[in-house]
Amino acid sequence: MSDDNDAWIKRWEEGNTGFHQEEINAHLISHWERIVPDRQSTVLVPLCGKSKDMLWLRNRGHRVVGAELSDLAARAFFLENDLVAEERQSGPFVVLSAGGIEIWVGDFFELTPQRVGKLDAWYDRAAVVALEPSVRQRYLAQLKLLLGSKAVGLMLTFDYPAEERNGPPFSVSFQDVEQIFGERFRLKLIDCVDLTEGNRWELSRVWKPVIELRS
């Protein structure tokens, strides 16, 4: 396991999880149905933590496939939402599942379509911004491996002057996303929210781009 993986697991153990949101993400609610009208689509949620957004997706009818390094976070998701998870081993992964949601506990980059199938859509609320810039091409390659040929996605990032702070979350502008993901997807900036006022990092500017991606 890499040092970076260890650091994320330690964050969950120490409760250093300011990135976790207790509420369903408003951008997911606003934009998802237009982007993914088919309720039968299977949805990948990389680096899912214990996000309640997975409940919203499941309640809409999707099969939800989460990937999470932290066993603590994955088990907390089911416990806190009164779901009794079945548990099985699949290669290097512990798979926890209940009610149309499965979380694959392990390294996202080791997940294969042989284990989860080809997926129709993905939701990235805080995955790409959690990754070191040097890992973003690998992230794209992994998405290309796991997603079907007509896959669509919703991605939320943070855009701030990178010299003012060393993430995570890292600064990922719409232009950054275009540069990396544009080879595989058609991108559209569907919203950009100004979060500068009162931001907890005291940055001079913080925007939240909301991005639609289509194969």
N, C-alpha and C. Protein backbone atom coordinates (compact mmCIF):
# COMPACT_ATOMS: atom_id res chain seq x y z
N MET A 1 0.85 -1.20 0.00
CA MET A 1 0.00 0.00 0.00
C MET A 1 0.88 1.25 0.00
N SER A 2 0.52 2.23 -0.80
CA SER A 2 1.34 3.43 -0.91
C SER A 2 1.20 4.31 0.32
N ASP A 3 2.15 5.22 0.48
CA ASP A 3 2.09 6.16 1.59
C ASP A 3 0.84 7.03 1.50
N ASP A 4 0.45 7.38 0.26
CA ASP A 4 -0.74 8.21 0.08
C ASP A 4 -1.99 7.46 0.53
N ASN A 5 -2.07 6.18 0.21
CA ASN A 5 -3.19 5.36 0.67
C ASN A 5 -3.23 5.30 2.18
N ASP A 6 -2.07 5.11 2.79
CA ASP A 6 -2.00 5.07 4.25
C ASP A 6 -2.49 6.37 4.86
N ALA A 7 -2.15 7.48 4.22
CA ALA A 7 -2.54 8.79 4.74
C ALA A 7 -4.06 8.96 4.73
N TRP A 8 -4.72 8.48 3.66
CA TRP A 8 -6.17 8.59 3.61
C TRP A 8 -6.85 7.70 4.64
N ILE A 9 -6.32 6.52 4.83
CA ILE A 9 -6.88 5.62 5.85
C ILE A 9 -6.72 6.24 7.24
N LYS A 10 -5.56 6.86 7.47
CA LYS A 10 -5.31 7.51 8.76
C LYS A 10 -6.27 8.67 8.98
N ARG A 11 -6.60 9.40 7.92
CA ARG A 11 -7.57 10.50 8.05
C ARG A 11 -8.90 10.00 8.62
N TRP A 12 -9.38 8.89 8.10
CA TRP A 12 -10.65 8.35 8.60
C TRP A 12 -10.51 7.87 10.04
N GLU A 13 -9.38 7.27 10.36
CA GLU A 13 -9.17 6.78 11.72
C GLU A 13 -9.12 7.92 12.73
N GLU A 14 -8.58 9.06 12.29
CA GLU A 14 -8.43 10.20 13.20
C GLU A 14 -9.61 11.17 13.12
N GLY A 15 -10.58 10.87 12.24
CA GLY A 15 -11.74 11.76 12.10
C GLY A 15 -11.41 13.05 11.38
N ASN A 16 -10.32 13.06 10.61
CA ASN A 16 -9.91 14.24 9.86
C ASN A 16 -10.59 14.22 8.49
N THR A 17 -11.91 14.40 8.51
CA THR A 17 -12.71 14.18 7.30
C THR A 17 -13.60 15.39 7.01
N GLY A 18 -12.96 16.56 6.93
CA GLY A 18 -13.72 17.77 6.61
C GLY A 18 -14.34 17.74 5.24
N PHE A 19 -13.89 16.82 4.38
CA PHE A 19 -14.44 16.69 3.03
C PHE A 19 -15.79 15.98 3.02
N HIS A 20 -16.13 15.30 4.11
CA HIS A 20 -17.41 14.57 4.14
C HIS A 20 -18.57 15.53 4.33
N GLN A 21 -19.64 15.32 3.57
CA GLN A 21 -20.85 16.12 3.69
C GLN A 21 -21.99 15.26 4.24
N GLU A 22 -22.70 15.80 5.21
CA GLU A 22 -23.84 15.07 5.78
C GLU A 22 -25.09 15.17 4.90
N GLU A 23 -25.16 16.23 4.09
CA GLU A 23 -26.34 16.44 3.26
C GLU A 23 -26.11 15.91 1.84
N ILE A 24 -27.20 15.57 1.15
CA ILE A 24 -27.10 15.20 -0.25
C ILE A 24 -26.62 16.42 -1.04
N ASN A 25 -25.70 16.22 -1.94
CA ASN A 25 -25.12 17.33 -2.68
C ASN A 25 -26.16 18.00 -3.58
N ALA A 26 -26.27 19.31 -3.47
CA ALA A 26 -27.29 20.04 -4.20
C ALA A 26 -27.07 19.98 -5.71
N HIS A 27 -25.82 19.93 -6.16
CA HIS A 27 -25.55 19.87 -7.60
C HIS A 27 -25.95 18.51 -8.17
N LEU A 28 -25.78 17.47 -7.39
CA LEU A 28 -26.24 16.14 -7.80
C LEU A 28 -27.75 16.17 -8.02
N ILE A 29 -28.47 16.72 -7.07
CA ILE A 29 -29.93 16.79 -7.16
C ILE A 29 -30.36 17.63 -8.37
N SER A 30 -29.67 18.73 -8.60
CA SER A 30 -30.05 19.66 -9.66
C SER A 30 -29.80 19.12 -11.07
N HIS A 31 -28.70 18.39 -11.25
CA HIS A 31 -28.24 18.10 -12.61
C HIS A 31 -28.30 16.63 -13.02
N TRP A 32 -28.35 15.73 -12.06
CA TRP A 32 -28.17 14.31 -12.40
C TRP A 32 -29.24 13.77 -13.34
N GLU A 33 -30.50 14.09 -13.07
CA GLU A 33 -31.58 13.49 -13.86
C GLU A 33 -31.49 13.87 -15.33
N ARG A 34 -31.02 15.06 -15.64
CA ARG A 34 -30.85 15.45 -17.03
C ARG A 34 -29.67 14.72 -17.67
N ILE A 35 -28.59 14.58 -16.91
CA ILE A 35 -27.39 13.94 -17.44
C ILE A 35 -27.58 12.44 -17.59
N VAL A 36 -28.23 11.83 -16.61
CA VAL A 36 -28.42 10.37 -16.60
C VAL A 36 -29.92 10.08 -16.45
N PRO A 37 -30.68 10.20 -17.53
CA PRO A 37 -32.12 9.99 -17.42
C PRO A 37 -32.52 8.54 -17.19
N ASP A 38 -31.66 7.61 -17.57
CA ASP A 38 -31.98 6.19 -17.42
C ASP A 38 -31.73 5.74 -15.99
N ARG A 39 -32.81 5.43 -15.29
CA ARG A 39 -32.70 5.04 -13.89
C ARG A 39 -32.11 3.63 -13.71
N GLN A 40 -32.00 2.90 -14.80
CA GLN A 40 -31.41 1.56 -14.73
C GLN A 40 -29.89 1.59 -14.89
N SER A 41 -29.33 2.75 -15.13
CA SER A 41 -27.88 2.85 -15.31
C SER A 41 -27.14 2.46 -14.04
N THR A 42 -26.03 1.78 -14.21
CA THR A 42 -25.15 1.48 -13.08
C THR A 42 -24.18 2.65 -12.90
N VAL A 43 -23.96 3.05 -11.66
CA VAL A 43 -23.20 4.27 -11.38
C VAL A 43 -21.97 3.96 -10.52
N LEU A 44 -20.82 4.39 -10.99
CA LEU A 44 -19.57 4.28 -10.25
C LEU A 44 -19.36 5.53 -9.41
N VAL A 45 -19.01 5.35 -8.14
CA VAL A 45 -18.68 6.47 -7.26
C VAL A 45 -17.27 6.23 -6.72
N PRO A 46 -16.24 6.79 -7.39
CA PRO A 46 -14.86 6.57 -6.93
C PRO A 46 -14.59 7.32 -5.63
N LEU A 47 -13.75 6.71 -4.78
CA LEU A 47 -13.35 7.34 -3.52
C LEU A 47 -14.57 7.84 -2.76
N CYS A 48 -15.52 6.94 -2.55
CA CYS A 48 -16.87 7.32 -2.13
C CYS A 48 -16.98 7.67 -0.65
N GLY A 49 -16.02 7.26 0.19
CA GLY A 49 -16.16 7.52 1.61
C GLY A 49 -17.45 6.92 2.14
N LYS A 50 -18.17 7.71 2.92
CA LYS A 50 -19.48 7.26 3.42
C LYS A 50 -20.58 8.22 2.94
N SER A 51 -20.39 8.70 1.71
CA SER A 51 -21.26 9.74 1.17
C SER A 51 -22.72 9.31 1.08
N LYS A 52 -23.60 10.13 1.59
CA LYS A 52 -25.03 9.88 1.50
C LYS A 52 -25.55 10.06 0.07
N ASP A 53 -24.73 10.66 -0.79
CA ASP A 53 -25.14 10.78 -2.19
C ASP A 53 -25.43 9.41 -2.80
N MET A 54 -24.77 8.38 -2.29
CA MET A 54 -25.03 7.03 -2.80
C MET A 54 -26.45 6.58 -2.50
N LEU A 55 -27.00 7.02 -1.38
CA LEU A 55 -28.39 6.70 -1.06
C LEU A 55 -29.33 7.35 -2.06
N TRP A 56 -29.05 8.61 -2.39
CA TRP A 56 -29.89 9.33 -3.35
C TRP A 56 -29.88 8.62 -4.70
N LEU A 57 -28.71 8.21 -5.14
CA LEU A 57 -28.59 7.51 -6.41
C LEU A 57 -29.33 6.17 -6.36
N ARG A 58 -29.18 5.44 -5.28
CA ARG A 58 -29.87 4.16 -5.13
C ARG A 58 -31.38 4.36 -5.11
N ASN A 59 -31.84 5.39 -4.41
CA ASN A 59 -33.28 5.64 -4.32
C ASN A 59 -33.87 6.03 -5.66
N ARG A 60 -33.03 6.52 -6.54
CA ARG A 60 -33.49 6.84 -7.89
C ARG A 60 -33.57 5.61 -8.78
N GLY A 61 -33.04 4.50 -8.31
CA GLY A 61 -33.15 3.25 -9.05
C GLY A 61 -31.85 2.67 -9.55
N HIS A 62 -30.74 3.40 -9.34
CA HIS A 62 -29.46 2.94 -9.87
C HIS A 62 -28.86 1.83 -9.02
N ARG A 63 -28.11 0.95 -9.67
CA ARG A 63 -27.16 0.11 -8.95
C ARG A 63 -25.92 0.98 -8.73
N VAL A 64 -25.46 1.09 -7.50
CA VAL A 64 -24.36 1.98 -7.14
C VAL A 64 -23.14 1.14 -6.76
N VAL A 65 -22.02 1.44 -7.40
CA VAL A 65 -20.76 0.76 -7.13
C VAL A 65 -19.78 1.79 -6.59
N GLY A 66 -19.55 1.76 -5.30
CA GLY A 66 -18.59 2.66 -4.68
C GLY A 66 -17.23 1.99 -4.53
N ALA A 67 -16.18 2.79 -4.54
CA ALA A 67 -14.83 2.30 -4.27
C ALA A 67 -14.23 3.17 -3.18
N GLU A 68 -13.69 2.52 -2.13
CA GLU A 68 -13.19 3.26 -0.97
C GLU A 68 -12.02 2.52 -0.33
N LEU A 69 -10.97 3.28 -0.02
CA LEU A 69 -9.80 2.69 0.64
C LEU A 69 -10.08 2.30 2.09
N SER A 70 -10.86 3.12 2.78
CA SER A 70 -11.02 2.95 4.21
C SER A 70 -12.14 1.99 4.56
N ASP A 71 -11.78 0.89 5.18
CA ASP A 71 -12.77 -0.06 5.67
C ASP A 71 -13.67 0.60 6.71
N LEU A 72 -13.09 1.47 7.51
CA LEU A 72 -13.85 2.18 8.54
C LEU A 72 -14.95 3.03 7.91
N ALA A 73 -14.62 3.78 6.85
CA ALA A 73 -15.60 4.63 6.19
C ALA A 73 -16.70 3.80 5.54
N ALA A 74 -16.32 2.73 4.87
CA ALA A 74 -17.31 1.90 4.18
C ALA A 74 -18.29 1.28 5.17
N ARG A 75 -17.79 0.75 6.26
CA ARG A 75 -18.68 0.13 7.25
C ARG A 75 -19.56 1.19 7.92
N ALA A 76 -19.00 2.38 8.13
CA ALA A 76 -19.78 3.45 8.74
C ALA A 76 -20.96 3.84 7.85
N PHE A 77 -20.76 3.80 6.53
CA PHE A 77 -21.86 4.14 5.62
C PHE A 77 -23.08 3.25 5.88
N PHE A 78 -22.86 1.96 5.93
CA PHE A 78 -23.99 1.05 6.12
C PHE A 78 -24.58 1.17 7.52
N LEU A 79 -23.71 1.28 8.52
CA LEU A 79 -24.17 1.37 9.90
C LEU A 79 -25.00 2.64 10.12
N GLU A 80 -24.51 3.76 9.65
CA GLU A 80 -25.17 5.04 9.89
C GLU A 80 -26.47 5.20 9.12
N ASN A 81 -26.64 4.38 8.08
CA ASN A 81 -27.87 4.45 7.29
C ASN A 81 -28.77 3.23 7.51
N ASP A 82 -28.53 2.54 8.62
CA ASP A 82 -29.37 1.41 9.04
C ASP A 82 -29.50 0.35 7.96
N LEU A 83 -28.39 0.06 7.30
CA LEU A 83 -28.35 -0.99 6.28
C LEU A 83 -27.47 -2.12 6.79
N VAL A 84 -27.98 -3.33 6.69
CA VAL A 84 -27.21 -4.50 7.11
C VAL A 84 -26.47 -5.04 5.90
N ALA A 85 -25.17 -4.88 5.91
CA ALA A 85 -24.37 -5.21 4.73
C ALA A 85 -23.96 -6.68 4.72
N GLU A 86 -24.09 -7.28 3.56
CA GLU A 86 -23.47 -8.58 3.32
C GLU A 86 -22.00 -8.35 2.99
N GLU A 87 -21.17 -9.29 3.35
CA GLU A 87 -19.73 -9.12 3.15
C GLU A 87 -19.16 -10.33 2.42
N ARG A 88 -18.32 -10.04 1.44
CA ARG A 88 -17.62 -11.12 0.73
C ARG A 88 -16.25 -10.63 0.31
N GLN A 89 -15.41 -11.56 -0.04
CA GLN A 89 -14.06 -11.24 -0.51
C GLN A 89 -14.00 -11.44 -2.01
N SER A 90 -13.41 -10.50 -2.74
CA SER A 90 -13.21 -10.65 -4.18
C SER A 90 -11.79 -10.20 -4.48
N GLY A 91 -10.89 -11.15 -4.58
CA GLY A 91 -9.48 -10.81 -4.79
C GLY A 91 -8.98 -9.96 -3.64
N PRO A 92 -8.38 -8.79 -3.93
CA PRO A 92 -7.85 -7.94 -2.86
C PRO A 92 -8.92 -7.09 -2.17
N PHE A 93 -10.16 -7.20 -2.61
CA PHE A 93 -11.23 -6.34 -2.09
C PHE A 93 -12.13 -7.07 -1.10
N VAL A 94 -12.54 -6.33 -0.06
CA VAL A 94 -13.69 -6.71 0.74
C VAL A 94 -14.88 -5.97 0.13
N VAL A 95 -15.95 -6.70 -0.18
CA VAL A 95 -17.12 -6.10 -0.82
C VAL A 95 -18.28 -6.11 0.18
N LEU A 96 -18.74 -4.90 0.51
CA LEU A 96 -19.88 -4.73 1.40
C LEU A 96 -21.06 -4.30 0.55
N SER A 97 -22.22 -4.94 0.72
CA SER A 97 -23.36 -4.61 -0.13
C SER A 97 -24.67 -4.76 0.61
N ALA A 98 -25.60 -3.88 0.26
CA ALA A 98 -26.97 -3.92 0.81
C ALA A 98 -27.85 -3.01 -0.04
N GLY A 99 -29.02 -3.50 -0.39
CA GLY A 99 -30.05 -2.66 -1.01
C GLY A 99 -29.63 -1.93 -2.25
N GLY A 100 -28.89 -2.58 -3.14
CA GLY A 100 -28.52 -1.94 -4.39
C GLY A 100 -27.26 -1.10 -4.34
N ILE A 101 -26.59 -1.07 -3.20
CA ILE A 101 -25.32 -0.33 -3.06
C ILE A 101 -24.24 -1.32 -2.66
N GLU A 102 -23.13 -1.28 -3.38
CA GLU A 102 -21.98 -2.09 -2.98
C GLU A 102 -20.75 -1.19 -2.90
N ILE A 103 -19.97 -1.38 -1.88
CA ILE A 103 -18.72 -0.63 -1.74
C ILE A 103 -17.56 -1.63 -1.77
N TRP A 104 -16.67 -1.40 -2.72
CA TRP A 104 -15.48 -2.23 -2.86
C TRP A 104 -14.36 -1.58 -2.06
N VAL A 105 -13.98 -2.23 -0.97
CA VAL A 105 -12.99 -1.66 -0.06
C VAL A 105 -11.60 -2.11 -0.50
N GLY A 106 -10.82 -1.15 -0.94
CA GLY A 106 -9.47 -1.43 -1.43
C GLY A 106 -9.03 -0.31 -2.35
N ASP A 107 -7.99 -0.56 -3.10
CA ASP A 107 -7.39 0.43 -3.99
C ASP A 107 -8.22 0.54 -5.26
N PHE A 108 -8.81 1.71 -5.49
CA PHE A 108 -9.64 1.94 -6.67
C PHE A 108 -8.92 1.54 -7.95
N PHE A 109 -7.62 1.73 -8.01
CA PHE A 109 -6.87 1.47 -9.23
C PHE A 109 -6.66 -0.03 -9.49
N GLU A 110 -7.08 -0.86 -8.56
CA GLU A 110 -7.02 -2.30 -8.76
C GLU A 110 -8.38 -2.88 -9.16
N LEU A 111 -9.41 -2.04 -9.24
CA LEU A 111 -10.74 -2.49 -9.62
C LEU A 111 -10.75 -2.81 -11.12
N THR A 112 -11.44 -3.87 -11.51
CA THR A 112 -11.48 -4.30 -12.91
C THR A 112 -12.91 -4.54 -13.35
N PRO A 113 -13.17 -4.44 -14.67
CA PRO A 113 -14.51 -4.76 -15.17
C PRO A 113 -14.87 -6.23 -14.98
N GLN A 114 -13.86 -7.09 -14.83
CA GLN A 114 -14.15 -8.50 -14.55
C GLN A 114 -14.84 -8.65 -13.19
N ARG A 115 -14.59 -7.71 -12.30
CA ARG A 115 -15.21 -7.76 -10.96
C ARG A 115 -16.54 -7.01 -10.92
N VAL A 116 -16.62 -5.85 -11.55
CA VAL A 116 -17.81 -5.01 -11.39
C VAL A 116 -18.62 -4.84 -12.66
N GLY A 117 -18.11 -5.37 -13.79
CA GLY A 117 -18.77 -5.15 -15.06
C GLY A 117 -18.40 -3.79 -15.63
N LYS A 118 -18.90 -3.51 -16.84
CA LYS A 118 -18.75 -2.18 -17.43
C LYS A 118 -19.87 -1.30 -16.92
N LEU A 119 -19.54 -0.11 -16.44
CA LEU A 119 -20.50 0.76 -15.77
C LEU A 119 -20.96 1.88 -16.71
N ASP A 120 -22.19 2.35 -16.49
CA ASP A 120 -22.83 3.27 -17.42
C ASP A 120 -22.55 4.74 -17.14
N ALA A 121 -22.27 5.06 -15.89
CA ALA A 121 -22.13 6.47 -15.49
C ALA A 121 -21.24 6.54 -14.27
N TRP A 122 -20.74 7.76 -14.00
CA TRP A 122 -20.00 7.92 -12.75
C TRP A 122 -20.23 9.30 -12.18
N TYR A 123 -20.04 9.37 -10.87
CA TYR A 123 -20.25 10.60 -10.12
C TYR A 123 -19.01 10.88 -9.30
N ASP A 124 -18.36 12.00 -9.60
CA ASP A 124 -17.11 12.39 -8.94
C ASP A 124 -17.38 13.68 -8.17
N ARG A 125 -17.67 13.54 -6.87
CA ARG A 125 -17.87 14.74 -6.05
C ARG A 125 -16.56 15.23 -5.47
N ALA A 126 -15.67 14.31 -5.10
CA ALA A 126 -14.44 14.73 -4.44
C ALA A 126 -13.28 13.79 -4.73
N ALA A 127 -13.35 13.07 -5.87
CA ALA A 127 -12.30 12.11 -6.18
C ALA A 127 -11.11 12.77 -6.88
N VAL A 128 -11.36 13.43 -8.00
CA VAL A 128 -10.24 14.00 -8.76
C VAL A 128 -9.49 15.04 -7.94
N VAL A 129 -10.18 15.78 -7.08
CA VAL A 129 -9.49 16.80 -6.28
C VAL A 129 -8.71 16.19 -5.12
N ALA A 130 -8.95 14.91 -4.83
CA ALA A 130 -8.21 14.23 -3.77
C ALA A 130 -6.89 13.65 -4.27
N LEU A 131 -6.74 13.59 -5.59
CA LEU A 131 -5.57 12.93 -6.18
C LEU A 131 -4.47 13.93 -6.51
N GLU A 132 -3.24 13.52 -6.27
CA GLU A 132 -2.09 14.33 -6.69
C GLU A 132 -2.18 14.55 -8.21
N PRO A 133 -1.77 15.74 -8.67
CA PRO A 133 -1.83 16.00 -10.12
C PRO A 133 -1.17 14.93 -10.97
N SER A 134 -0.11 14.32 -10.46
CA SER A 134 0.61 13.30 -11.22
C SER A 134 -0.21 12.02 -11.42
N VAL A 135 -1.29 11.86 -10.66
CA VAL A 135 -2.10 10.64 -10.71
C VAL A 135 -3.31 10.80 -11.62
N ARG A 136 -3.57 12.00 -12.11
CA ARG A 136 -4.82 12.25 -12.85
C ARG A 136 -4.90 11.45 -14.15
N GLN A 137 -3.78 11.29 -14.86
CA GLN A 137 -3.81 10.49 -16.08
C GLN A 137 -4.14 9.02 -15.75
N ARG A 138 -3.64 8.56 -14.64
CA ARG A 138 -3.94 7.19 -14.22
C ARG A 138 -5.42 7.05 -13.87
N TYR A 139 -5.97 8.10 -13.27
CA TYR A 139 -7.40 8.11 -12.95
C TYR A 139 -8.23 8.02 -14.23
N LEU A 140 -7.86 8.80 -15.24
CA LEU A 140 -8.56 8.73 -16.52
C LEU A 140 -8.47 7.33 -17.10
N ALA A 141 -7.29 6.74 -17.07
CA ALA A 141 -7.11 5.39 -17.62
C ALA A 141 -8.00 4.39 -16.89
N GLN A 142 -8.14 4.56 -15.59
CA GLN A 142 -8.98 3.64 -14.82
C GLN A 142 -10.46 3.83 -15.17
N LEU A 143 -10.88 5.07 -15.36
CA LEU A 143 -12.26 5.32 -15.79
C LEU A 143 -12.52 4.69 -17.16
N LYS A 144 -11.58 4.84 -18.07
CA LYS A 144 -11.72 4.26 -19.40
C LYS A 144 -11.85 2.74 -19.32
N LEU A 145 -11.18 2.15 -18.37
CA LEU A 145 -11.24 0.70 -18.18
C LEU A 145 -12.61 0.26 -17.66
N LEU A 146 -13.17 1.02 -16.72
CA LEU A 146 -14.37 0.58 -16.01
C LEU A 146 -15.67 1.02 -16.65
N LEU A 147 -15.63 2.08 -17.45
CA LEU A 147 -16.86 2.65 -18.00
C LEU A 147 -17.16 2.12 -19.38
N GLY A 148 -18.46 2.01 -19.69
CA GLY A 148 -18.89 1.60 -21.01
C GLY A 148 -18.64 2.68 -22.05
N SER A 149 -18.84 2.32 -23.31
CA SER A 149 -18.50 3.22 -24.42
C SER A 149 -19.39 4.44 -24.50
N LYS A 150 -20.56 4.41 -23.87
CA LYS A 150 -21.48 5.54 -23.91
C LYS A 150 -21.63 6.20 -22.53
N ALA A 151 -20.65 6.05 -21.70
CA ALA A 151 -20.75 6.51 -20.31
C ALA A 151 -20.84 8.03 -20.21
N VAL A 152 -21.53 8.47 -19.18
CA VAL A 152 -21.67 9.90 -18.87
C VAL A 152 -21.29 10.11 -17.41
N GLY A 153 -20.95 11.35 -17.08
CA GLY A 153 -20.53 11.61 -15.71
C GLY A 153 -20.82 13.03 -15.27
N LEU A 154 -20.79 13.20 -13.94
CA LEU A 154 -20.90 14.50 -13.30
C LEU A 154 -19.70 14.65 -12.38
N MET A 155 -18.95 15.74 -12.56
CA MET A 155 -17.73 15.96 -11.78
C MET A 155 -17.79 17.34 -11.13
N LEU A 156 -17.47 17.37 -9.84
CA LEU A 156 -17.37 18.62 -9.09
C LEU A 156 -15.93 18.80 -8.66
N THR A 157 -15.37 19.99 -8.87
CA THR A 157 -13.98 20.22 -8.50
C THR A 157 -13.86 21.51 -7.68
N PHE A 158 -12.65 21.84 -7.30
CA PHE A 158 -12.32 23.14 -6.72
C PHE A 158 -11.31 23.82 -7.63
N ASP A 159 -11.48 25.10 -7.83
CA ASP A 159 -10.56 25.88 -8.65
C ASP A 159 -10.11 27.07 -7.82
N TYR A 160 -8.82 27.06 -7.45
CA TYR A 160 -8.25 28.17 -6.67
C TYR A 160 -6.79 28.35 -7.10
N PRO A 161 -6.15 29.48 -6.75
CA PRO A 161 -4.75 29.67 -7.11
C PRO A 161 -3.88 28.59 -6.46
N ALA A 162 -3.35 27.70 -7.26
CA ALA A 162 -2.66 26.52 -6.74
C ALA A 162 -1.46 26.88 -5.87
N GLU A 163 -0.86 28.04 -6.13
CA GLU A 163 0.32 28.43 -5.34
C GLU A 163 -0.05 28.82 -3.91
N GLU A 164 -1.34 29.02 -3.65
CA GLU A 164 -1.76 29.45 -2.31
C GLU A 164 -1.98 28.29 -1.35
N ARG A 165 -2.07 27.09 -1.88
CA ARG A 165 -2.36 25.96 -1.00
C ARG A 165 -1.94 24.66 -1.67
N ASN A 166 -1.39 23.75 -0.88
CA ASN A 166 -1.08 22.41 -1.36
C ASN A 166 -2.17 21.47 -0.84
N GLY A 167 -2.95 20.90 -1.76
CA GLY A 167 -4.09 20.07 -1.35
C GLY A 167 -3.66 18.81 -0.64
N PRO A 168 -4.59 17.91 -0.37
CA PRO A 168 -5.94 17.90 -0.90
C PRO A 168 -6.89 18.78 -0.08
N PRO A 169 -8.01 19.23 -0.70
CA PRO A 169 -8.32 19.06 -2.12
C PRO A 169 -7.40 19.93 -2.98
N PHE A 170 -6.98 19.36 -4.10
CA PHE A 170 -6.13 20.09 -5.02
C PHE A 170 -6.98 20.95 -5.95
N SER A 171 -6.37 21.99 -6.46
CA SER A 171 -7.06 22.84 -7.43
C SER A 171 -7.15 22.12 -8.77
N VAL A 172 -8.38 21.99 -9.28
CA VAL A 172 -8.62 21.37 -10.58
C VAL A 172 -9.60 22.27 -11.33
N SER A 173 -9.10 23.06 -12.25
CA SER A 173 -9.95 23.98 -13.00
C SER A 173 -10.66 23.25 -14.13
N PHE A 174 -11.63 23.93 -14.73
CA PHE A 174 -12.30 23.35 -15.90
C PHE A 174 -11.29 23.10 -17.01
N GLN A 175 -10.33 24.00 -17.15
CA GLN A 175 -9.30 23.84 -18.18
C GLN A 175 -8.43 22.62 -17.89
N ASP A 176 -8.14 22.37 -16.61
CA ASP A 176 -7.40 21.16 -16.24
C ASP A 176 -8.17 19.91 -16.64
N VAL A 177 -9.47 19.91 -16.38
CA VAL A 177 -10.31 18.76 -16.72
C VAL A 177 -10.35 18.57 -18.23
N GLU A 178 -10.49 19.67 -18.97
CA GLU A 178 -10.48 19.60 -20.43
C GLU A 178 -9.18 18.97 -20.94
N GLN A 179 -8.07 19.42 -20.37
CA GLN A 179 -6.77 18.96 -20.83
C GLN A 179 -6.59 17.46 -20.64
N ILE A 180 -7.08 16.94 -19.52
CA ILE A 180 -6.87 15.52 -19.20
C ILE A 180 -7.98 14.65 -19.75
N PHE A 181 -9.22 15.02 -19.50
CA PHE A 181 -10.35 14.15 -19.81
C PHE A 181 -10.92 14.40 -21.21
N GLY A 182 -10.48 15.48 -21.85
CA GLY A 182 -11.01 15.81 -23.16
C GLY A 182 -10.71 14.78 -24.23
N GLU A 183 -9.69 13.95 -24.03
CA GLU A 183 -9.38 12.92 -25.02
C GLU A 183 -10.41 11.80 -25.03
N ARG A 184 -11.17 11.66 -23.95
CA ARG A 184 -12.14 10.57 -23.84
C ARG A 184 -13.58 11.07 -23.80
N PHE A 185 -13.79 12.29 -23.31
CA PHE A 185 -15.15 12.79 -23.09
C PHE A 185 -15.34 14.17 -23.72
N ARG A 186 -16.59 14.47 -24.07
CA ARG A 186 -17.01 15.83 -24.41
C ARG A 186 -17.45 16.50 -23.11
N LEU A 187 -16.91 17.67 -22.85
CA LEU A 187 -17.13 18.32 -21.56
C LEU A 187 -17.98 19.57 -21.72
N LYS A 188 -18.74 19.85 -20.68
CA LYS A 188 -19.54 21.07 -20.64
C LYS A 188 -19.53 21.61 -19.22
N LEU A 189 -19.17 22.88 -19.06
CA LEU A 189 -19.24 23.53 -17.76
C LEU A 189 -20.69 23.97 -17.54
N ILE A 190 -21.39 23.31 -16.63
CA ILE A 190 -22.81 23.61 -16.47
C ILE A 190 -23.10 24.56 -15.30
N ASP A 191 -22.10 24.78 -14.46
CA ASP A 191 -22.25 25.75 -13.37
C ASP A 191 -20.86 26.03 -12.81
N CYS A 192 -20.72 27.16 -12.16
CA CYS A 192 -19.47 27.49 -11.47
C CYS A 192 -19.82 28.41 -10.31
N VAL A 193 -19.71 27.88 -9.11
CA VAL A 193 -20.17 28.58 -7.91
C VAL A 193 -18.97 29.25 -7.23
N ASP A 194 -19.15 30.50 -6.86
CA ASP A 194 -18.11 31.25 -6.18
C ASP A 194 -18.20 30.97 -4.68
N LEU A 195 -17.19 30.29 -4.14
CA LEU A 195 -17.14 29.94 -2.71
C LEU A 195 -16.09 30.76 -1.96
N THR A 196 -15.65 31.86 -2.56
CA THR A 196 -14.53 32.61 -2.00
C THR A 196 -14.85 33.18 -0.61
N GLU A 197 -15.99 33.80 -0.46
CA GLU A 197 -16.31 34.49 0.79
C GLU A 197 -16.36 33.51 1.96
N GLY A 198 -15.52 33.74 2.96
CA GLY A 198 -15.53 32.92 4.16
C GLY A 198 -14.98 31.53 3.98
N ASN A 199 -14.23 31.28 2.90
CA ASN A 199 -13.71 29.92 2.69
C ASN A 199 -12.73 29.55 3.80
N ARG A 200 -12.78 28.28 4.21
CA ARG A 200 -12.04 27.84 5.40
C ARG A 200 -10.54 27.84 5.21
N TRP A 201 -10.07 27.90 3.95
CA TRP A 201 -8.63 27.90 3.70
C TRP A 201 -8.08 29.32 3.57
N GLU A 202 -8.94 30.31 3.63
CA GLU A 202 -8.55 31.72 3.51
C GLU A 202 -7.82 31.98 2.19
N LEU A 203 -8.31 31.38 1.13
CA LEU A 203 -7.75 31.58 -0.20
C LEU A 203 -8.34 32.83 -0.84
N SER A 204 -7.59 33.43 -1.74
CA SER A 204 -8.06 34.67 -2.38
C SER A 204 -9.22 34.43 -3.33
N ARG A 205 -9.34 33.19 -3.83
CA ARG A 205 -10.43 32.84 -4.73
C ARG A 205 -10.68 31.35 -4.67
N VAL A 206 -11.94 30.95 -4.56
CA VAL A 206 -12.31 29.55 -4.65
C VAL A 206 -13.59 29.45 -5.47
N TRP A 207 -13.51 28.71 -6.57
CA TRP A 207 -14.69 28.42 -7.38
C TRP A 207 -14.96 26.93 -7.34
N LYS A 208 -16.22 26.57 -7.53
CA LYS A 208 -16.58 25.15 -7.68
C LYS A 208 -17.16 24.93 -9.08
N PRO A 209 -16.36 24.46 -10.02
CA PRO A 209 -16.91 24.09 -11.33
C PRO A 209 -17.76 22.82 -11.22
N VAL A 210 -18.86 22.82 -11.94
CA VAL A 210 -19.74 21.66 -12.05
C VAL A 210 -19.73 21.24 -13.52
N ILE A 211 -19.25 20.03 -13.78
CA ILE A 211 -18.89 19.64 -15.14
C ILE A 211 -19.64 18.38 -15.56
N GLU A 212 -20.20 18.44 -16.75
CA GLU A 212 -20.86 17.29 -17.38
C GLU A 212 -19.88 16.68 -18.36
N LEU A 213 -19.77 15.36 -18.34
CA LEU A 213 -18.87 14.65 -19.26
C LEU A 213 -19.65 13.58 -20.00
N ARG A 214 -19.48 13.54 -21.31
CA ARG A 214 -20.19 12.56 -22.14
C ARG A 214 -19.20 11.88 -23.11
N SER A 215 -19.39 10.60 -23.29
CA SER A 215 -18.55 9.86 -24.23
C SER A 215 -18.86 10.28 -25.66
